[in-house]
């Protein structure tokens, strides 16, 4: 495994996280702006986990817990650092966070068309639940 350090994000990381997601993540979100990232960090300071190698951001995962559900979003690793254990380290840290908070089950939001991500999540022990579908409604943004 690559020598990585896992840490929680700080508000000052927002611009770097956004640039990283453009390089490493699939898809975009309505929350992909500095207000969205800093709002996440302010609301749940331990949720955004970052992987760094030699001081460079190489991976991320959002491990949100609302007291009811443990939800994983934005698992991403820079292409040059994939298949080196970065995602495994991020998921281990997220799962440890959930366990410490009393979480009982983690679920992940995974793009339907992202076959590479499907294989990665399956390798990490996650299973697809075909009986569920996500329903969304964009909210007005000031």
C-alpha atoms as a PDB file:
ATOM      1  CA  UNK A   1       0.000   0.000   0.000  1.00  0.00           C
ATOM      2  CA  UNK A   2       1.056   3.541  -0.691  1.00  0.00           C
ATOM      3  CA  UNK A   3       2.182   5.437   2.403  1.00  0.00           C
ATOM      4  CA  UNK A   4      -1.004   7.391   3.101  1.00  0.00           C
ATOM      5  CA  UNK A   5      -2.239   9.423   6.015  1.00  0.00           C
ATOM      6  CA  UNK A   6      -5.989   9.677   6.601  1.00  0.00           C
ATOM      7  CA  UNK A   7      -7.241  12.878   8.195  1.00  0.00           C
ATOM      8  CA  UNK A   8     -10.404  14.911   8.466  1.00  0.00           C
ATOM      9  CA  UNK A   9     -10.823  17.899   6.188  1.00  0.00           C
ATOM     10  CA  UNK A  10     -10.542  21.480   7.373  1.00  0.00           C
ATOM     11  CA  UNK A  11     -12.445  24.422   5.874  1.00  0.00           C
ATOM     12  CA  UNK A  12      -9.187  25.600   4.300  1.00  0.00           C
ATOM     13  CA  UNK A  13      -9.114  22.350   2.252  1.00  0.00           C
ATOM     14  CA  UNK A  14     -12.295  23.197   0.303  1.00  0.00           C
ATOM     15  CA  UNK A  15     -10.654  24.497  -2.893  1.00  0.00           C
ATOM     16  CA  UNK A  16      -8.176  21.605  -2.977  1.00  0.00           C
ATOM     17  CA  UNK A  17     -10.973  19.079  -2.437  1.00  0.00           C
ATOM     18  CA  UNK A  18     -13.004  20.557  -5.288  1.00  0.00           C
ATOM     19  CA  UNK A  19      -9.992  20.454  -7.630  1.00  0.00           C
ATOM     20  CA  UNK A  20      -9.282  16.876  -6.528  1.00  0.00           C
ATOM     21  CA  UNK A  21     -12.870  15.786  -7.250  1.00  0.00           C
ATOM     22  CA  UNK A  22     -12.606  17.235 -10.768  1.00  0.00           C
ATOM     23  CA  UNK A  23      -9.505  15.093 -11.348  1.00  0.00           C
ATOM     24  CA  UNK A  24     -10.512  11.903  -9.562  1.00  0.00           C
ATOM     25  CA  UNK A  25     -14.271  11.624  -8.963  1.00  0.00           C
ATOM     26  CA  UNK A  26     -17.007  10.498 -11.323  1.00  0.00           C
ATOM     27  CA  UNK A  27     -19.964  12.812 -11.781  1.00  0.00           C
ATOM     28  CA  UNK A  28     -20.776  16.087 -10.106  1.00  0.00           C
ATOM     29  CA  UNK A  29     -23.081  17.257  -7.364  1.00  0.00           C
ATOM     30  CA  UNK A  30     -25.122  20.373  -6.762  1.00  0.00           C
ATOM     31  CA  UNK A  31     -22.959  20.797  -3.658  1.00  0.00           C
ATOM     32  CA  UNK A  32     -19.682  20.972  -5.591  1.00  0.00           C
ATOM     33  CA  UNK A  33     -18.686  24.445  -4.519  1.00  0.00           C
ATOM     34  CA  UNK A  34     -16.822  25.954  -1.584  1.00  0.00           C
ATOM     35  CA  UNK A  35     -20.073  26.712   0.238  1.00  0.00           C
ATOM     36  CA  UNK A  36     -21.108  23.064  -0.043  1.00  0.00           C
ATOM     37  CA  UNK A  37     -17.777  21.667   1.145  1.00  0.00           C
ATOM     38  CA  UNK A  38     -17.308  24.139   4.004  1.00  0.00           C
ATOM     39  CA  UNK A  39     -20.952  23.636   5.000  1.00  0.00           C
ATOM     40  CA  UNK A  40     -20.385  19.881   5.235  1.00  0.00           C
ATOM     41  CA  UNK A  41     -17.284  20.398   7.372  1.00  0.00           C
ATOM     42  CA  UNK A  42     -19.088  22.869   9.657  1.00  0.00           C
ATOM     43  CA  UNK A  43     -22.132  20.589  10.063  1.00  0.00           C
ATOM     44  CA  UNK A  44     -20.202  17.340  10.586  1.00  0.00           C
ATOM     45  CA  UNK A  45     -16.490  18.056  11.119  1.00  0.00           C
ATOM     46  CA  UNK A  46     -15.438  14.395  10.987  1.00  0.00           C
ATOM     47  CA  UNK A  47     -17.370  13.425   7.856  1.00  0.00           C
ATOM     48  CA  UNK A  48     -14.988  14.386   5.053  1.00  0.00           C
ATOM     49  CA  UNK A  49     -11.980  12.090   5.216  1.00  0.00           C
ATOM     50  CA  UNK A  50      -8.932  12.800   3.083  1.00  0.00           C
ATOM     51  CA  UNK A  51      -6.020  10.564   2.127  1.00  0.00           C
ATOM     52  CA  UNK A  52      -2.679  12.243   1.620  1.00  0.00           C
ATOM     53  CA  UNK A  53       0.576  10.834   0.316  1.00  0.00           C
ATOM     54  CA  UNK A  54       3.748  12.928   0.530  1.00  0.00           C
ATOM     55  CA  UNK A  55       1.564  15.958   1.317  1.00  0.00           C
ATOM     56  CA  UNK A  56      -0.593  15.484  -1.789  1.00  0.00           C
ATOM     57  CA  UNK A  57      -4.345  14.819  -1.713  1.00  0.00           C
ATOM     58  CA  UNK A  58      -4.828  11.371  -3.298  1.00  0.00           C
ATOM     59  CA  UNK A  59      -8.204  10.211  -1.977  1.00  0.00           C
ATOM     60  CA  UNK A  60     -11.460  11.204  -0.317  1.00  0.00           C
ATOM     61  CA  UNK A  61     -14.648   9.809   1.114  1.00  0.00           C
ATOM     62  CA  UNK A  62     -17.567  11.481   2.833  1.00  0.00           C
ATOM     63  CA  UNK A  63     -18.662   9.383   5.826  1.00  0.00           C
ATOM     64  CA  UNK A  64     -21.832  11.073   7.014  1.00  0.00           C
ATOM     65  CA  UNK A  65     -23.788   9.930  10.040  1.00  0.00           C
ATOM     66  CA  UNK A  66     -27.074  11.546  11.029  1.00  0.00           C
ATOM     67  CA  UNK A  67     -27.798   9.410  14.078  1.00  0.00           C
ATOM     68  CA  UNK A  68     -29.829   6.988  11.952  1.00  0.00           C
ATOM     69  CA  UNK A  69     -27.909   6.147   8.788  1.00  0.00           C
ATOM     70  CA  UNK A  70     -24.241   5.792   7.937  1.00  0.00           C
ATOM     71  CA  UNK A  71     -23.841   7.091   4.392  1.00  0.00           C
ATOM     72  CA  UNK A  72     -20.800   7.048   2.151  1.00  0.00           C
ATOM     73  CA  UNK A  73     -20.301   9.445  -0.731  1.00  0.00           C
ATOM     74  CA  UNK A  74     -17.485  10.641  -2.962  1.00  0.00           C
ATOM     75  CA  UNK A  75     -15.082   7.732  -2.575  1.00  0.00           C
ATOM     76  CA  UNK A  76     -12.427   8.833  -5.045  1.00  0.00           C
ATOM     77  CA  UNK A  77      -8.748   8.105  -5.594  1.00  0.00           C
ATOM     78  CA  UNK A  78      -6.405   9.798  -8.043  1.00  0.00           C
ATOM     79  CA  UNK A  79      -5.909   7.502 -11.034  1.00  0.00           C
ATOM     80  CA  UNK A  80      -2.139   7.165 -10.429  1.00  0.00           C
ATOM     81  CA  UNK A  81      -2.808   5.963  -6.847  1.00  0.00           C
ATOM     82  CA  UNK A  82      -5.556   3.432  -7.551  1.00  0.00           C
ATOM     83  CA  UNK A  83      -5.130  -0.235  -6.664  1.00  0.00           C
ATOM     84  CA  UNK A  84      -2.632   0.683  -3.935  1.00  0.00           C
ATOM     85  CA  UNK A  85      -4.919   0.435  -0.891  1.00  0.00           C
ATOM     86  CA  UNK A  86      -5.973   4.092  -0.665  1.00  0.00           C
ATOM     87  CA  UNK A  87      -9.702   3.368  -0.987  1.00  0.00           C
ATOM     88  CA  UNK A  88      -9.365   0.487   1.483  1.00  0.00           C
ATOM     89  CA  UNK A  89      -7.720   2.797   4.025  1.00  0.00           C
ATOM     90  CA  UNK A  90     -10.416   5.441   3.528  1.00  0.00           C
ATOM     91  CA  UNK A  91     -13.239   2.923   3.938  1.00  0.00           C
ATOM     92  CA  UNK A  92     -11.589   1.437   7.027  1.00  0.00           C
ATOM     93  CA  UNK A  93     -11.403   4.916   8.584  1.00  0.00           C
ATOM     94  CA  UNK A  94     -15.028   5.629   7.634  1.00  0.00           C
ATOM     95  CA  UNK A  95     -16.239   2.331   9.090  1.00  0.00           C
ATOM     96  CA  UNK A  96     -14.293   2.953  12.303  1.00  0.00           C
ATOM     97  CA  UNK A  97     -15.917   6.373  12.540  1.00  0.00           C
ATOM     98  CA  UNK A  98     -19.363   4.861  12.102  1.00  0.00           C
ATOM     99  CA  UNK A  99     -18.733   2.154  14.695  1.00  0.00           C
ATOM    100  CA  UNK A 100     -17.510   4.741  17.229  1.00  0.00           C
ATOM    101  CA  UNK A 101     -20.691   6.770  16.647  1.00  0.00           C
ATOM    102  CA  UNK A 102     -22.949   3.733  17.117  1.00  0.00           C
ATOM    103  CA  UNK A 103     -23.748   3.189  13.438  1.00  0.00           C
ATOM    104  CA  UNK A 104     -25.124  -0.202  12.438  1.00  0.00           C
ATOM    105  CA  UNK A 105     -24.846  -0.325   8.650  1.00  0.00           C
ATOM    106  CA  UNK A 106     -23.070   1.719   6.022  1.00  0.00           C
ATOM    107  CA  UNK A 107     -24.545   2.405   2.625  1.00  0.00           C
ATOM    108  CA  UNK A 108     -22.917   3.984  -0.396  1.00  0.00           C
ATOM    109  CA  UNK A 109     -24.175   6.165  -3.210  1.00  0.00           C
ATOM    110  CA  UNK A 110     -22.628   4.757  -6.403  1.00  0.00           C
ATOM    111  CA  UNK A 111     -23.307   5.955  -9.931  1.00  0.00           C
ATOM    112  CA  UNK A 112     -25.181   3.321 -11.901  1.00  0.00           C
ATOM    113  CA  UNK A 113     -22.907   3.607 -14.943  1.00  0.00           C
ATOM    114  CA  UNK A 114     -19.620   3.472 -12.991  1.00  0.00           C
ATOM    115  CA  UNK A 115     -18.698  -0.216 -13.437  1.00  0.00           C
ATOM    116  CA  UNK A 116     -15.192   0.324 -12.012  1.00  0.00           C
ATOM    117  CA  UNK A 117     -16.747   1.662  -8.799  1.00  0.00           C
ATOM    118  CA  UNK A 118     -19.130  -1.303  -8.625  1.00  0.00           C
ATOM    119  CA  UNK A 119     -16.142  -3.663  -8.632  1.00  0.00           C
ATOM    120  CA  UNK A 120     -14.329  -1.613  -5.977  1.00  0.00           C
ATOM    121  CA  UNK A 121     -17.336  -1.505  -3.645  1.00  0.00           C
ATOM    122  CA  UNK A 122     -17.946  -5.251  -4.086  1.00  0.00           C
ATOM    123  CA  UNK A 123     -14.289  -5.962  -3.298  1.00  0.00           C
ATOM    124  CA  UNK A 124     -14.695  -3.952  -0.079  1.00  0.00           C
ATOM    125  CA  UNK A 125     -17.598  -6.178   1.007  1.00  0.00           C
ATOM    126  CA  UNK A 126     -20.521  -3.961  -0.018  1.00  0.00           C
ATOM    127  CA  UNK A 127     -23.494  -5.448  -1.849  1.00  0.00           C
ATOM    128  CA  UNK A 128     -25.932  -3.768  -4.197  1.00  0.00           C
ATOM    129  CA  UNK A 129     -29.568  -3.614  -3.115  1.00  0.00           C
ATOM    130  CA  UNK A 130     -31.607  -3.680  -6.295  1.00  0.00           C
ATOM    131  CA  UNK A 131     -34.919  -3.119  -4.508  1.00  0.00           C
ATOM    132  CA  UNK A 132     -34.014   0.521  -3.705  1.00  0.00           C
ATOM    133  CA  UNK A 133     -33.860   3.523  -5.964  1.00  0.00           C
ATOM    134  CA  UNK A 134     -32.846   7.046  -5.118  1.00  0.00           C
ATOM    135  CA  UNK A 135     -35.476   9.780  -5.419  1.00  0.00           C
ATOM    136  CA  UNK A 136     -34.247  13.342  -5.598  1.00  0.00           C
ATOM    137  CA  UNK A 137     -35.615  16.847  -5.779  1.00  0.00           C
ATOM    138  CA  UNK A 138     -33.327  19.844  -6.236  1.00  0.00           C
ATOM    139  CA  UNK A 139     -33.967  22.548  -3.637  1.00  0.00           C
ATOM    140  CA  UNK A 140     -33.806  26.285  -4.304  1.00  0.00           C
ATOM    141  CA  UNK A 141     -30.347  27.671  -3.662  1.00  0.00           C
ATOM    142  CA  UNK A 142     -30.000  31.278  -2.520  1.00  0.00           C
END
